[in-house]
Structure formats: structure tokens, C-alpha cells
Amino acid sequence: MKKQHVELSQSDEAQLEKILSKGSLKVRTYKRATALLELNRGKTFGTVAQTLGVTYQSISQLAKR
């Protein structure tokens, strides 16, 4: 299976890490930020989807944005 991932700039990655470091977040925000960081680290759509408990299509659509 071909690995599919996103490439984030250092500033984007830092901003997502900052968002995740906040105390309380909406679940949707947490899952989106986590998914993008995991895809940036080279994980596949399927692995990230399974980890976060969402569908493959959700991760795929998120990566296209």
C-alpha cells in the first residue's frame, strides 16, 4: 500500500502543536490537528483513521484541504 501523507511547513506544525497543548479543545479540533500531525509524520490514512476512530474518507478529505 502506498503511503499517503501531507507535508506541513514548520510554522504550520508548530501552530498545530500549540493548539494541542491548550487545556480544553473541541473534539473535532483535537482530531483534525492530531490527524494532520500524524499524516505529516508519515502515517497512512488508514492507520490515522483507525487510531482516531473516524473513517478513511474523513482523513482523506482532511488531507486534501
N, C-alpha and C. Protein backbone atom coordinates (compact mmCIF):
# COMPACT_ATOMS: atom_id res chain seq x y z
N MET A 1 0.84 -1.18 0.00
CA MET A 1 0.00 0.00 0.00
C MET A 1 0.89 1.24 0.00
N LYS A 2 0.58 2.18 -0.85
CA LYS A 2 1.33 3.41 -0.94
C LYS A 2 1.02 4.29 0.26
N LYS A 3 2.06 4.83 0.86
CA LYS A 3 1.85 5.72 1.99
C LYS A 3 1.37 7.07 1.48
N GLN A 4 0.32 7.55 2.09
CA GLN A 4 -0.22 8.85 1.74
C GLN A 4 -0.06 9.75 2.95
N HIS A 5 0.49 10.92 2.73
CA HIS A 5 0.68 11.82 3.85
C HIS A 5 0.64 13.26 3.37
N VAL A 6 0.74 14.16 4.30
CA VAL A 6 0.78 15.58 3.98
C VAL A 6 2.14 16.12 4.40
N GLU A 7 2.51 17.23 3.84
CA GLU A 7 3.75 17.88 4.23
C GLU A 7 3.41 19.26 4.76
N LEU A 8 3.64 19.45 6.04
CA LEU A 8 3.35 20.71 6.70
C LEU A 8 4.62 21.54 6.82
N SER A 9 4.48 22.83 6.73
CA SER A 9 5.62 23.70 6.98
C SER A 9 5.91 23.68 8.48
N GLN A 10 7.09 24.15 8.84
CA GLN A 10 7.45 24.16 10.26
C GLN A 10 6.52 25.06 11.06
N SER A 11 6.09 26.15 10.46
CA SER A 11 5.20 27.08 11.18
C SER A 11 3.81 26.44 11.37
N ASP A 12 3.33 25.71 10.34
CA ASP A 12 2.04 25.02 10.47
C ASP A 12 2.11 23.95 11.55
N GLU A 13 3.21 23.21 11.55
CA GLU A 13 3.37 22.15 12.56
C GLU A 13 3.43 22.75 13.96
N ALA A 14 4.15 23.84 14.11
CA ALA A 14 4.25 24.49 15.42
C ALA A 14 2.89 25.02 15.87
N GLN A 15 2.12 25.56 14.93
CA GLN A 15 0.80 26.08 15.27
C GLN A 15 -0.13 24.95 15.72
N LEU A 16 -0.08 23.80 15.04
CA LEU A 16 -0.90 22.66 15.44
C LEU A 16 -0.49 22.13 16.80
N GLU A 17 0.82 22.08 17.06
CA GLU A 17 1.30 21.64 18.38
C GLU A 17 0.82 22.60 19.47
N LYS A 18 0.79 23.89 19.16
CA LYS A 18 0.32 24.89 20.13
C LYS A 18 -1.16 24.70 20.42
N ILE A 19 -1.93 24.42 19.37
CA ILE A 19 -3.36 24.18 19.55
C ILE A 19 -3.58 22.97 20.46
N LEU A 20 -2.82 21.91 20.22
CA LEU A 20 -2.99 20.70 21.02
C LEU A 20 -2.53 20.87 22.47
N SER A 21 -1.63 21.81 22.70
CA SER A 21 -1.14 21.99 24.07
C SER A 21 -2.12 22.74 24.96
N LYS A 22 -3.16 23.33 24.37
CA LYS A 22 -4.17 24.03 25.17
C LYS A 22 -4.93 23.01 26.01
N GLY A 23 -5.45 23.47 27.11
CA GLY A 23 -6.13 22.59 28.05
C GLY A 23 -7.41 21.95 27.53
N SER A 24 -8.30 22.74 26.98
CA SER A 24 -9.56 22.17 26.52
C SER A 24 -9.81 22.54 25.07
N LEU A 25 -10.17 21.54 24.30
CA LEU A 25 -10.45 21.71 22.88
C LEU A 25 -11.73 21.00 22.53
N LYS A 26 -12.34 21.42 21.46
CA LYS A 26 -13.45 20.66 20.92
C LYS A 26 -12.87 19.37 20.35
N VAL A 27 -13.62 18.30 20.42
CA VAL A 27 -13.15 17.01 19.93
C VAL A 27 -12.79 17.10 18.45
N ARG A 28 -13.61 17.80 17.71
CA ARG A 28 -13.38 17.94 16.27
C ARG A 28 -12.02 18.60 15.99
N THR A 29 -11.72 19.66 16.73
CA THR A 29 -10.44 20.36 16.57
C THR A 29 -9.28 19.47 16.94
N TYR A 30 -9.42 18.75 18.05
CA TYR A 30 -8.37 17.84 18.50
C TYR A 30 -8.08 16.76 17.45
N LYS A 31 -9.12 16.15 16.92
CA LYS A 31 -8.94 15.08 15.95
C LYS A 31 -8.32 15.59 14.66
N ARG A 32 -8.74 16.77 14.21
CA ARG A 32 -8.18 17.33 12.98
C ARG A 32 -6.70 17.66 13.14
N ALA A 33 -6.36 18.31 14.23
CA ALA A 33 -4.96 18.67 14.47
C ALA A 33 -4.09 17.42 14.62
N THR A 34 -4.57 16.45 15.36
CA THR A 34 -3.83 15.20 15.55
C THR A 34 -3.65 14.47 14.24
N ALA A 35 -4.71 14.40 13.44
CA ALA A 35 -4.64 13.71 12.15
C ALA A 35 -3.60 14.35 11.25
N LEU A 36 -3.60 15.67 11.16
CA LEU A 36 -2.63 16.35 10.30
C LEU A 36 -1.20 16.12 10.77
N LEU A 37 -0.99 16.15 12.06
CA LEU A 37 0.37 15.91 12.58
C LEU A 37 0.81 14.47 12.32
N GLU A 38 -0.08 13.53 12.50
CA GLU A 38 0.27 12.13 12.25
C GLU A 38 0.54 11.87 10.77
N LEU A 39 -0.25 12.48 9.90
CA LEU A 39 -0.01 12.34 8.46
C LEU A 39 1.32 12.98 8.08
N ASN A 40 1.65 14.07 8.73
CA ASN A 40 2.93 14.74 8.49
C ASN A 40 4.10 13.85 8.92
N ARG A 41 3.88 13.01 9.91
CA ARG A 41 4.92 12.10 10.40
C ARG A 41 5.04 10.84 9.54
N GLY A 42 4.19 10.72 8.52
CA GLY A 42 4.33 9.62 7.58
C GLY A 42 3.37 8.46 7.79
N LYS A 43 2.41 8.60 8.67
CA LYS A 43 1.44 7.53 8.87
C LYS A 43 0.42 7.52 7.74
N THR A 44 -0.17 6.36 7.48
CA THR A 44 -1.13 6.23 6.39
C THR A 44 -2.51 6.72 6.82
N PHE A 45 -3.36 7.00 5.84
CA PHE A 45 -4.72 7.43 6.11
C PHE A 45 -5.44 6.39 6.97
N GLY A 46 -5.29 5.12 6.61
CA GLY A 46 -5.97 4.05 7.32
C GLY A 46 -5.55 3.96 8.77
N THR A 47 -4.26 4.07 9.03
CA THR A 47 -3.75 4.00 10.40
C THR A 47 -4.27 5.16 11.24
N VAL A 48 -4.23 6.34 10.67
CA VAL A 48 -4.70 7.53 11.40
C VAL A 48 -6.20 7.42 11.66
N ALA A 49 -6.94 6.99 10.66
CA ALA A 49 -8.39 6.85 10.81
C ALA A 49 -8.72 5.86 11.93
N GLN A 50 -8.04 4.74 11.94
CA GLN A 50 -8.29 3.72 12.96
C GLN A 50 -7.91 4.25 14.35
N THR A 51 -6.81 4.95 14.46
CA THR A 51 -6.37 5.49 15.74
C THR A 51 -7.37 6.50 16.31
N LEU A 52 -7.90 7.36 15.43
CA LEU A 52 -8.81 8.41 15.88
C LEU A 52 -10.27 7.99 15.90
N GLY A 53 -10.57 6.82 15.37
CA GLY A 53 -11.94 6.33 15.38
C GLY A 53 -12.84 7.04 14.38
N VAL A 54 -12.27 7.41 13.24
CA VAL A 54 -13.04 8.05 12.18
C VAL A 54 -12.87 7.23 10.90
N THR A 55 -13.57 7.63 9.86
CA THR A 55 -13.49 6.87 8.61
C THR A 55 -12.27 7.29 7.79
N TYR A 56 -11.89 6.40 6.91
CA TYR A 56 -10.80 6.65 5.98
C TYR A 56 -11.11 7.88 5.13
N GLN A 57 -12.37 7.99 4.70
CA GLN A 57 -12.79 9.11 3.87
C GLN A 57 -12.64 10.45 4.60
N SER A 58 -12.90 10.46 5.89
CA SER A 58 -12.75 11.69 6.67
C SER A 58 -11.31 12.19 6.65
N ILE A 59 -10.39 11.26 6.83
CA ILE A 59 -8.97 11.61 6.83
C ILE A 59 -8.54 12.03 5.43
N SER A 60 -9.03 11.32 4.43
CA SER A 60 -8.69 11.64 3.05
C SER A 60 -9.14 13.07 2.70
N GLN A 61 -10.35 13.42 3.07
CA GLN A 61 -10.88 14.75 2.79
C GLN A 61 -10.10 15.82 3.56
N LEU A 62 -9.74 15.53 4.79
CA LEU A 62 -8.99 16.47 5.61
C LEU A 62 -7.63 16.75 4.97
N ALA A 63 -6.99 15.74 4.44
CA ALA A 63 -5.66 15.90 3.83
C ALA A 63 -5.73 16.72 2.55
N LYS A 64 -6.86 16.70 1.87
CA LYS A 64 -6.99 17.45 0.62
C LYS A 64 -7.14 18.95 0.85
N ARG A 65 -7.55 19.34 2.05
CA ARG A 65 -7.80 20.76 2.35
C ARG A 65 -6.55 21.54 2.48
